C-alpha atoms as a PDB file:
ATOM      1  CA  MET A   1     240.080  54.483  12.686  1.00  0.00           C
ATOM      2  CA  VAL A   2     239.069  57.624  14.531  1.00  0.00           C
ATOM      3  CA  ARG A   3     236.204  57.388  17.019  1.00  0.00           C
ATOM      4  CA  VAL A   4     234.620  60.280  18.924  1.00  0.00           C
ATOM      5  CA  VAL A   5     232.031  59.489  21.596  1.00  0.00           C
ATOM      6  CA  ASP A   6     229.864  61.902  23.559  1.00  0.00           C
ATOM      7  CA  ASP A   7     228.040  60.684  26.682  1.00  0.00           C
ATOM      8  CA  GLY A   8     225.203  63.182  26.247  1.00  0.00           C
ATOM      9  CA  HIS A   9     226.022  65.066  29.456  1.00  0.00           C
ATOM     10  CA  GLY A  10     227.418  68.197  27.853  1.00  0.00           C
ATOM     11  CA  ARG A  11     227.526  71.669  29.293  1.00  0.00           C
ATOM     12  CA  PRO A  12     224.789  74.231  28.630  1.00  0.00           C
ATOM     13  CA  PRO A  13     225.394  76.373  25.544  1.00  0.00           C
ATOM     14  CA  VAL A  14     226.865  79.801  26.281  1.00  0.00           C
ATOM     15  CA  GLY A  15     225.823  81.327  22.980  1.00  0.00           C
ATOM     16  CA  PRO A  16     224.572  80.504  19.521  1.00  0.00           C
ATOM     17  CA  ALA A  17     226.497  77.804  17.684  1.00  0.00           C
ATOM     18  CA  PRO A  18     228.659  79.034  14.812  1.00  0.00           C
ATOM     19  CA  SER A  19     227.326  78.239  11.361  1.00  0.00           C
ATOM     20  CA  GLY A  20     228.865  77.779   7.948  1.00  0.00           C
ATOM     21  CA  GLY A  21     230.297  74.284   8.298  1.00  0.00           C
ATOM     22  CA  HIS A  22     229.320  71.200   6.359  1.00  0.00           C
ATOM     23  CA  GLY A  23     228.856  68.897   9.358  1.00  0.00           C
ATOM     24  CA  LEU A  24     228.460  65.157   8.881  1.00  0.00           C
ATOM     25  CA  VAL A  25     227.827  65.497   5.149  1.00  0.00           C
ATOM     26  CA  GLY A  26     231.194  67.215   4.713  1.00  0.00           C
ATOM     27  CA  MET A  27     232.976  64.647   6.878  1.00  0.00           C
ATOM     28  CA  ARG A  28     231.398  61.788   4.896  1.00  0.00           C
ATOM     29  CA  GLU A  29     232.484  63.382   1.601  1.00  0.00           C
ATOM     30  CA  ARG A  30     236.061  63.884   2.802  1.00  0.00           C
ATOM     31  CA  VAL A  31     236.360  60.335   4.121  1.00  0.00           C
ATOM     32  CA  GLY A  32     234.896  59.033   0.845  1.00  0.00           C
ATOM     33  CA  VAL A  33     237.633  60.754  -1.155  1.00  0.00           C
ATOM     34  CA  TYR A  34     240.088  58.340   0.502  1.00  0.00           C
ATOM     35  CA  ASP A  35     237.834  55.262   0.096  1.00  0.00           C
ATOM     36  CA  GLY A  36     236.979  55.338   3.794  1.00  0.00           C
ATOM     37  CA  SER A  37     233.697  55.128   5.662  1.00  0.00           C
ATOM     38  CA  LEU A  38     231.910  57.251   8.243  1.00  0.00           C
ATOM     39  CA  VAL A  39     229.328  56.074  10.763  1.00  0.00           C
ATOM     40  CA  ALA A  40     227.490  58.539  12.989  1.00  0.00           C
ATOM     41  CA  GLY A  41     224.463  58.317  15.208  1.00  0.00           C
ATOM     42  CA  PRO A  42     223.030  58.176  18.700  1.00  0.00           C
ATOM     43  CA  ARG A  43     224.368  55.649  21.219  1.00  0.00           C
ATOM     44  CA  LEU A  44     222.058  53.317  23.143  1.00  0.00           C
ATOM     45  CA  ALA A  45     223.557  54.582  26.429  1.00  0.00           C
ATOM     46  CA  GLY A  46     222.902  58.198  25.404  1.00  0.00           C
ATOM     47  CA  GLY A  47     225.032  60.703  23.613  1.00  0.00           C
ATOM     48  CA  TRP A  48     226.450  60.428  20.128  1.00  0.00           C
ATOM     49  CA  ARG A  49     229.172  58.541  18.229  1.00  0.00           C
ATOM     50  CA  VAL A  50     231.119  59.450  15.094  1.00  0.00           C
ATOM     51  CA  GLU A  51     233.537  56.885  13.654  1.00  0.00           C
ATOM     52  CA  ALA A  52     235.724  57.338  10.569  1.00  0.00           C
ATOM     53  CA  ARG A  53     237.703  54.501   9.001  1.00  0.00           C
ATOM     54  CA  LEU A  54     240.418  55.298   6.490  1.00  0.00           C
ATOM     55  CA  PRO A  55     242.406  52.655   4.652  1.00  0.00           C
ATOM     56  CA  LEU A  56     246.137  53.105   5.096  1.00  0.00           C
ATOM     57  CA  PRO A  57     248.821  51.619   2.877  1.00  0.00           C
ATOM     58  CA  SER A  58     250.309  48.521   4.472  1.00  0.00           C
ATOM     59  CA  THR A  59     254.073  48.681   4.890  1.00  0.00           C
ATOM     60  CA  PRO A  60     255.824  46.294   7.291  1.00  0.00           C
ATOM     61  CA  GLY A  61     256.916  47.987  10.500  1.00  0.00           C
ATOM     62  CA  THR A  62     254.870  51.170  10.048  1.00  0.00           C
ATOM     63  CA  GLU A  63     251.768  50.380  12.101  1.00  0.00           C
ATOM     64  CA  VAL A  64     250.386  53.421  13.912  1.00  0.00           C
ATOM     65  CA  VAL A  65     248.603  52.939  17.243  1.00  0.00           C
ATOM     66  CA  ALA A  66     246.744  55.814  18.876  1.00  0.00           C
ATOM     67  CA  ALA A  67     245.623  55.786  22.503  1.00  0.00           C
END
């Protein structure tokens, strides 16, 4: 699982945001290719959350833990 959380207290923009990406739709499509799931939306405490879950093959002794 990959989780990205924003507290909603970002910095002011310094210029126009770049365009041309596929945003959440593109992320959802890419995660779906691997039979995963994507959840994104506002948090109750403010800010935003994006969470992607990807199934990984289970092999004894190969668990990956990210901090």
